[in-house]
C-alpha atoms as a PDB file:
ATOM      1  CA  MET A   1      73.736 112.923 100.030  1.00  0.00           C
ATOM      2  CA  ASN A   2      75.931 111.572 102.824  1.00  0.00           C
ATOM      3  CA  LYS A   3      79.273 113.445 103.242  1.00  0.00           C
ATOM      4  CA  HIS A   4      82.960 111.418 103.923  1.00  0.00           C
ATOM      5  CA  LYS A   5      84.564 113.367 106.887  1.00  0.00           C
ATOM      6  CA  THR A   6      87.845 113.692 105.125  1.00  0.00           C
ATOM      7  CA  VAL A   7      91.680 114.193 106.361  1.00  0.00           C
ATOM      8  CA  ILE A   8      94.317 114.622 104.818  1.00  0.00           C
ATOM      9  CA  VAL A   9      97.701 113.988 106.619  1.00  0.00           C
ATOM     10  CA  ASP A  10     101.151 115.385 104.148  1.00  0.00           C
ATOM     11  CA  ASP A  11     104.863 116.687 105.940  1.00  0.00           C
ATOM     12  CA  HIS A  12     104.445 119.219 102.900  1.00  0.00           C
ATOM     13  CA  PRO A  13     102.002 122.347 104.617  1.00  0.00           C
ATOM     14  CA  ILE A  14     102.433 123.760 100.664  1.00  0.00           C
ATOM     15  CA  VAL A  15     100.807 119.832  99.749  1.00  0.00           C
ATOM     16  CA  ILE A  16      98.033 119.680 101.814  1.00  0.00           C
ATOM     17  CA  SER A  17      96.756 123.050 101.374  1.00  0.00           C
ATOM     18  CA  GLY A  18      96.891 122.554  98.157  1.00  0.00           C
ATOM     19  CA  ILE A  19      94.848 119.065  97.568  1.00  0.00           C
ATOM     20  CA  SER A  20      92.335 120.954  99.891  1.00  0.00           C
ATOM     21  CA  GLY A  21      91.969 123.399  97.264  1.00  0.00           C
ATOM     22  CA  LEU A  22      91.514 120.939  94.893  1.00  0.00           C
ATOM     23  CA  LEU A  23      88.608 119.258  97.159  1.00  0.00           C
ATOM     24  CA  SER A  24      86.780 121.671  98.067  1.00  0.00           C
ATOM     25  CA  ASP A  25      85.103 121.164  95.372  1.00  0.00           C
ATOM     26  CA  LEU A  26      83.043 117.783  95.932  1.00  0.00           C
ATOM     27  CA  GLU A  27      79.556 117.386  97.263  1.00  0.00           C
ATOM     28  CA  ILE A  28      80.891 114.267  99.091  1.00  0.00           C
ATOM     29  CA  ILE A  29      83.790 115.487 100.853  1.00  0.00           C
ATOM     30  CA  ASP A  30      84.276 117.614 104.413  1.00  0.00           C
ATOM     31  CA  ILE A  31      87.839 117.599 104.959  1.00  0.00           C
ATOM     32  CA  VAL A  32      87.670 117.444 108.627  1.00  0.00           C
ATOM     33  CA  GLY A  33      91.061 117.068 109.618  1.00  0.00           C
ATOM     34  CA  LYS A  34      95.117 118.441 108.625  1.00  0.00           C
ATOM     35  CA  PHE A  35      98.315 117.061 109.785  1.00  0.00           C
ATOM     36  CA  GLU A  36     101.359 116.782 109.053  1.00  0.00           C
ATOM     37  CA  SER A  37     101.825 113.850 111.408  1.00  0.00           C
ATOM     38  CA  GLY A  38     100.940 110.127 111.354  1.00  0.00           C
ATOM     39  CA  VAL A  39     101.010 110.410 115.337  1.00  0.00           C
ATOM     40  CA  THR A  40      99.107 113.767 115.209  1.00  0.00           C
ATOM     41  CA  LEU A  41      96.184 111.891 112.347  1.00  0.00           C
ATOM     42  CA  LEU A  42      95.817 108.798 115.222  1.00  0.00           C
ATOM     43  CA  ASP A  43      95.323 111.354 117.891  1.00  0.00           C
ATOM     44  CA  TYR A  44      92.882 113.378 116.450  1.00  0.00           C
ATOM     45  CA  ILE A  45      91.106 109.882 114.885  1.00  0.00           C
ATOM     46  CA  GLN A  46      90.442 108.854 118.490  1.00  0.00           C
ATOM     47  CA  ALA A  47      88.362 110.622 119.216  1.00  0.00           C
ATOM     48  CA  ASN A  48      86.878 111.564 116.096  1.00  0.00           C
ATOM     49  CA  GLU A  49      85.374 109.563 113.468  1.00  0.00           C
ATOM     50  CA  VAL A  50      86.511 109.706 110.504  1.00  0.00           C
ATOM     51  CA  ASP A  51      85.886 107.609 106.960  1.00  0.00           C
ATOM     52  CA  LEU A  52      88.296 108.519 104.584  1.00  0.00           C
ATOM     53  CA  ILE A  53      92.226 109.812 105.185  1.00  0.00           C
ATOM     54  CA  LEU A  54      94.246 111.050 102.446  1.00  0.00           C
ATOM     55  CA  MET A  55      98.066 109.940 103.797  1.00  0.00           C
ATOM     56  CA  ASP A  56     100.823 111.228 101.674  1.00  0.00           C
ATOM     57  CA  ILE A  57     103.332 107.401 102.155  1.00  0.00           C
ATOM     58  CA  PHE A  58     106.932 109.263 103.821  1.00  0.00           C
ATOM     59  CA  LEU A  59     105.609 110.954 106.971  1.00  0.00           C
ATOM     60  CA  PRO A  60     108.964 111.422 108.766  1.00  0.00           C
ATOM     61  CA  LEU A  61     108.324 108.934 112.404  1.00  0.00           C
ATOM     62  CA  THR A  62     106.600 106.365 111.054  1.00  0.00           C
ATOM     63  CA  ASN A  63     106.041 106.055 107.020  1.00  0.00           C
ATOM     64  CA  GLY A  64     102.240 106.134 105.632  1.00  0.00           C
ATOM     65  CA  VAL A  65     102.668 101.802 104.412  1.00  0.00           C
ATOM     66  CA  GLU A  66     103.206 100.888 108.939  1.00  0.00           C
ATOM     67  CA  LEU A  67     100.869 103.587 109.301  1.00  0.00           C
ATOM     68  CA  CYS A  68      97.677 102.566 107.055  1.00  0.00           C
ATOM     69  CA  LYS A  69      98.103  98.796 109.001  1.00  0.00           C
ATOM     70  CA  ILE A  70      97.660 100.567 112.086  1.00  0.00           C
ATOM     71  CA  ILE A  71      93.912 102.465 111.664  1.00  0.00           C
ATOM     72  CA  LYS A  72      93.103  99.802 109.556  1.00  0.00           C
ATOM     73  CA  GLN A  73      93.962  96.779 112.282  1.00  0.00           C
ATOM     74  CA  LYS A  74      91.824  99.270 115.050  1.00  0.00           C
ATOM     75  CA  PHE A  75      89.642 101.127 111.717  1.00  0.00           C
ATOM     76  CA  PRO A  76      88.507  98.843 110.001  1.00  0.00           C
ATOM     77  CA  LYS A  77      86.099 100.527 107.859  1.00  0.00           C
ATOM     78  CA  VAL A  78      88.351 103.694 108.098  1.00  0.00           C
ATOM     79  CA  ILE A  79      88.698 104.195 103.294  1.00  0.00           C
ATOM     80  CA  ILE A  80      92.569 105.017 103.179  1.00  0.00           C
ATOM     81  CA  ILE A  81      93.972 106.293 100.111  1.00  0.00           C
ATOM     82  CA  GLY A  82      98.377 106.948  99.928  1.00  0.00           C
ATOM     83  CA  MET A  83      99.212 109.500  97.457  1.00  0.00           C
ATOM     84  CA  SER A  84     103.013 109.534  96.903  1.00  0.00           C
ATOM     85  CA  SER A  85     105.674 110.860  94.478  1.00  0.00           C
ATOM     86  CA  GLN A  86     107.251 107.687  93.722  1.00  0.00           C
ATOM     87  CA  SER A  87     105.765 105.028  92.015  1.00  0.00           C
ATOM     88  CA  GLU A  88     107.729 101.479  92.987  1.00  0.00           C
ATOM     89  CA  ARG A  89     105.734  98.712  92.373  1.00  0.00           C
ATOM     90  CA  SER A  90     107.048  97.165  95.550  1.00  0.00           C
ATOM     91  CA  LEU A  91     105.752 100.413  97.981  1.00  0.00           C
ATOM     92  CA  VAL A  92     102.061 100.241  96.044  1.00  0.00           C
ATOM     93  CA  MET A  93     101.581  97.273  96.918  1.00  0.00           C
ATOM     94  CA  GLN A  94     102.535  96.460 100.830  1.00  0.00           C
ATOM     95  CA  PHE A  95     100.648  99.695 100.882  1.00  0.00           C
ATOM     96  CA  ILE A  96      97.841  97.591  99.781  1.00  0.00           C
ATOM     97  CA  GLN A  97      98.492  94.496 101.839  1.00  0.00           C
ATOM     98  CA  ASN A  98      98.121  96.533 104.502  1.00  0.00           C
ATOM     99  CA  GLY A  99      94.727  97.882 103.603  1.00  0.00           C
ATOM    100  CA  GLY A 100      94.972 100.227 101.561  1.00  0.00           C
ATOM    101  CA  ASN A 101      92.646 101.737  99.422  1.00  0.00           C
ATOM    102  CA  GLY A 102      94.265 102.754  96.567  1.00  0.00           C
ATOM    103  CA  TYR A 103      97.840 104.926  95.458  1.00  0.00           C
ATOM    104  CA  ILE A 104      97.684 108.242  93.484  1.00  0.00           C
ATOM    105  CA  LEU A 105     100.807 109.733  91.952  1.00  0.00           C
ATOM    106  CA  LYS A 106     100.603 113.283  92.891  1.00  0.00           C
ATOM    107  CA  SER A 107     101.462 114.338  89.809  1.00  0.00           C
ATOM    108  CA  ALA A 108      98.271 112.029  88.517  1.00  0.00           C
ATOM    109  CA  SER A 109      95.309 115.449  87.620  1.00  0.00           C
ATOM    110  CA  PHE A 110      92.281 116.149  89.505  1.00  0.00           C
ATOM    111  CA  ASP A 111      90.051 114.287  86.928  1.00  0.00           C
ATOM    112  CA  GLU A 112      92.163 111.088  88.006  1.00  0.00           C
ATOM    113  CA  PHE A 113      92.118 111.733  91.741  1.00  0.00           C
ATOM    114  CA  LYS A 114      88.801 112.812  92.148  1.00  0.00           C
ATOM    115  CA  ASN A 115      88.157 109.795  90.295  1.00  0.00           C
ATOM    116  CA  CYS A 116      89.551 107.563  92.080  1.00  0.00           C
ATOM    117  CA  ILE A 117      88.054 109.323  95.625  1.00  0.00           C
ATOM    118  CA  TYR A 118      84.738 108.406  93.795  1.00  0.00           C
ATOM    119  CA  LYS A 119      85.363 104.465  93.131  1.00  0.00           C
ATOM    120  CA  ALA A 120      87.709 104.313  96.781  1.00  0.00           C
ATOM    121  CA  ILE A 121      84.056 105.868  98.482  1.00  0.00           C
ATOM    122  CA  GLU A 122      82.314 102.713  96.039  1.00  0.00           C
ATOM    123  CA  GLY A 123      84.714 100.292  97.502  1.00  0.00           C
ATOM    124  CA  GLU A 124      86.539  99.376  94.170  1.00  0.00           C
ATOM    125  CA  ILE A 125      90.677  99.724  95.189  1.00  0.00           C
ATOM    126  CA  VAL A 126      92.184 102.559  93.313  1.00  0.00           C
ATOM    127  CA  PHE A 127      95.271 103.350  92.094  1.00  0.00           C
ATOM    128  CA  SER A 128      96.198 106.582  89.361  1.00  0.00           C
ATOM    129  CA  ASP A 129      97.092 105.502  85.621  1.00  0.00           C
ATOM    130  CA  GLU A 130     101.034 105.488  85.646  1.00  0.00           C
ATOM    131  CA  VAL A 131     100.575 103.500  88.993  1.00  0.00           C
ATOM    132  CA  LYS A 132      97.968 101.407  87.103  1.00  0.00           C
ATOM    133  CA  THR A 133     100.902 101.208  84.458  1.00  0.00           C
ATOM    134  CA  ILE A 134     103.497  99.924  86.775  1.00  0.00           C
ATOM    135  CA  ILE A 135     101.675  97.170  89.143  1.00  0.00           C
ATOM    136  CA  SER A 136     100.439  95.628  85.350  1.00  0.00           C
ATOM    137  CA  GLU A 137     103.912  95.402  83.359  1.00  0.00           C
ATOM    138  CA  PRO A 138     105.141  92.076  83.735  1.00  0.00           C
ATOM    139  CA  GLN A 139     108.434  91.303  86.522  1.00  0.00           C
ATOM    140  CA  SER A 140     111.159  88.289  86.231  1.00  0.00           C
ATOM    141  CA  GLU A 141     109.417  87.115  89.799  1.00  0.00           C
ATOM    142  CA  ASP A 142     105.841  86.719  88.421  1.00  0.00           C
ATOM    143  CA  LEU A 143     107.580  84.504  85.442  1.00  0.00           C
ATOM    144  CA  ASP A 144     106.417  81.755  87.715  1.00  0.00           C
ATOM    145  CA  ARG A 145     103.716  79.170  86.008  1.00  0.00           C
ATOM    146  CA  ILE A 146     100.384  81.078  88.433  1.00  0.00           C
ATOM    147  CA  PRO A 147      96.521  79.325  88.594  1.00  0.00           C
ATOM    148  CA  SER A 148      93.840  81.131  85.923  1.00  0.00           C
ATOM    149  CA  LEU A 149      90.534  82.154  86.807  1.00  0.00           C
ATOM    150  CA  SER A 150      87.779  80.099  85.801  1.00  0.00           C
ATOM    151  CA  ARG A 151      85.709  82.658  84.464  1.00  0.00           C
ATOM    152  CA  ARG A 152      82.917  81.854  87.423  1.00  0.00           C
ATOM    153  CA  GLU A 153      86.155  82.885  89.622  1.00  0.00           C
ATOM    154  CA  LYS A 154      86.602  85.921  87.083  1.00  0.00           C
ATOM    155  CA  ASP A 155      82.943  86.966  87.568  1.00  0.00           C
ATOM    156  CA  ILE A 156      83.426  86.957  91.724  1.00  0.00           C
ATOM    157  CA  VAL A 157      86.820  88.186  91.435  1.00  0.00           C
ATOM    158  CA  SER A 158      85.848  91.043  90.584  1.00  0.00           C
ATOM    159  CA  LEU A 159      82.284  91.952  92.086  1.00  0.00           C
ATOM    160  CA  LEU A 160      84.930  91.280  95.638  1.00  0.00           C
ATOM    161  CA  SER A 161      86.999  93.722  94.117  1.00  0.00           C
ATOM    162  CA  LYS A 162      83.958  96.714  94.299  1.00  0.00           C
ATOM    163  CA  GLY A 163      83.702  95.730  98.007  1.00  0.00           C
ATOM    164  CA  LYS A 164      80.131  93.525  97.847  1.00  0.00           C
ATOM    165  CA  SER A 165      79.519  91.389 100.054  1.00  0.00           C
ATOM    166  CA  THR A 166      79.486  87.128  99.438  1.00  0.00           C
ATOM    167  CA  GLN A 167      75.562  88.123  99.774  1.00  0.00           C
ATOM    168  CA  GLU A 168      75.305  90.067  97.454  1.00  0.00           C
ATOM    169  CA  ILE A 169      77.657  88.858  95.100  1.00  0.00           C
ATOM    170  CA  ALA A 170      74.271  85.902  95.571  1.00  0.00           C
ATOM    171  CA  ASP A 171      71.956  87.711  94.193  1.00  0.00           C
ATOM    172  CA  GLU A 172      73.904  89.555  91.596  1.00  0.00           C
ATOM    173  CA  LEU A 173      75.087  86.465  90.337  1.00  0.00           C
ATOM    174  CA  PHE A 174      71.538  84.157  91.037  1.00  0.00           C
ATOM    175  CA  LEU A 175      74.084  82.260  93.002  1.00  0.00           C
ATOM    176  CA  SER A 176      73.289  80.476  96.756  1.00  0.00           C
ATOM    177  CA  PHE A 177      75.413  81.482  99.043  1.00  0.00           C
ATOM    178  CA  LEU A 178      76.929  78.735 100.239  1.00  0.00           C
ATOM    179  CA  THR A 179      78.494  78.560  96.016  1.00  0.00           C
ATOM    180  CA  VAL A 180      79.599  82.262  96.361  1.00  0.00           C
ATOM    181  CA  GLN A 181      81.454  81.410  99.339  1.00  0.00           C
ATOM    182  CA  THR A 182      83.015  77.755  98.272  1.00  0.00           C
ATOM    183  CA  HIS A 183      84.836  79.422  95.013  1.00  0.00           C
ATOM    184  CA  ARG A 184      85.662  82.527  98.216  1.00  0.00           C
ATOM    185  CA  ARG A 185      87.055  80.210 100.016  1.00  0.00           C
ATOM    186  CA  ASN A 186      88.917  78.457  96.620  1.00  0.00           C
ATOM    187  CA  ILE A 187      90.385  81.508  95.161  1.00  0.00           C
ATOM    188  CA  LEU A 188      92.004  81.742  98.352  1.00  0.00           C
ATOM    189  CA  GLN A 189      93.476  78.925  98.751  1.00  0.00           C
ATOM    190  CA  LYS A 190      94.830  79.072  94.921  1.00  0.00           C
ATOM    191  CA  TYR A 191      96.455  82.316  95.352  1.00  0.00           C
ATOM    192  CA  LYS A 192      97.937  80.800  99.209  1.00  0.00           C
ATOM    193  CA  THR A 193      96.328  84.524  99.900  1.00  0.00           C
ATOM    194  CA  LYS A 194      94.296  84.724 103.296  1.00  0.00           C
ATOM    195  CA  ASN A 195      92.165  87.805 102.836  1.00  0.00           C
ATOM    196  CA  VAL A 196      90.857  89.784 100.123  1.00  0.00           C
ATOM    197  CA  ALA A 197      92.763  92.065 100.140  1.00  0.00           C
ATOM    198  CA  GLU A 198      95.851  89.753 100.468  1.00  0.00           C
ATOM    199  CA  LEU A 199      94.036  88.408  96.736  1.00  0.00           C
ATOM    200  CA  MET A 200      93.211  91.826  95.820  1.00  0.00           C
ATOM    201  CA  ALA A 201      97.787  92.335  96.396  1.00  0.00           C
ATOM    202  CA  PHE A 202      98.272  89.521  94.602  1.00  0.00           C
ATOM    203  CA  LEU A 203      96.238  89.395  91.895  1.00  0.00           C
ATOM    204  CA  LEU A 204      97.366  93.614  90.192  1.00  0.00           C
ATOM    205  CA  LYS A 205     100.638  92.517  90.961  1.00  0.00           C
ATOM    206  CA  ASN A 206      99.564  89.870  88.360  1.00  0.00           C
ATOM    207  CA  ASN A 207      97.727  91.400  86.615  1.00  0.00           C
ATOM    208  CA  LEU A 208      94.807  89.275  87.354  1.00  0.00           C
ATOM    209  CA  LEU A 209      92.540  91.449  88.058  1.00  0.00           C
ATOM    210  CA  ASN A 210      90.448  92.743  84.486  1.00  0.00           C
END
């Protein structure tokens, strides 16, 4: 089993210690670094391979939302999961729009942490249970007319949310590559989104990703 080189970033040493202890039994996780600031994290990942980052949202100097964007621009394949004691909807959505792979409340159970990490590694965008509830609640600004997805578009979006490529989706749905590519482009245009990350954030915000 391949181990994912994991770093934990939090400005509270006791939190780092606690999460390290929780994850020490997971066979797929190899904790290679523990940092208390985004600056030391950036220095580390410039010179060392990292697969997974568990990052506090509120860090000194550079907050986790901006830090996620910086890292994803340089290392798009790195999985970044935000951790916070705050579940403000706009904060969650901004983190995901910046490329984050998930958002977990620090009050989440160990099983939630573990399940989110496994699913993120498999390519899904993940949230702890309380965060799911918060982002699924309709907001007043969401009540404008939002286009719905066709059954085929829902199938494609579901597979996109799991990190599937256009070719993988085509194979799974027995469609041509060109057909899936066309659907994918149409879906992005329908919701005025530039890429899959933006699309997923929009669909999550509007409770369209079921």
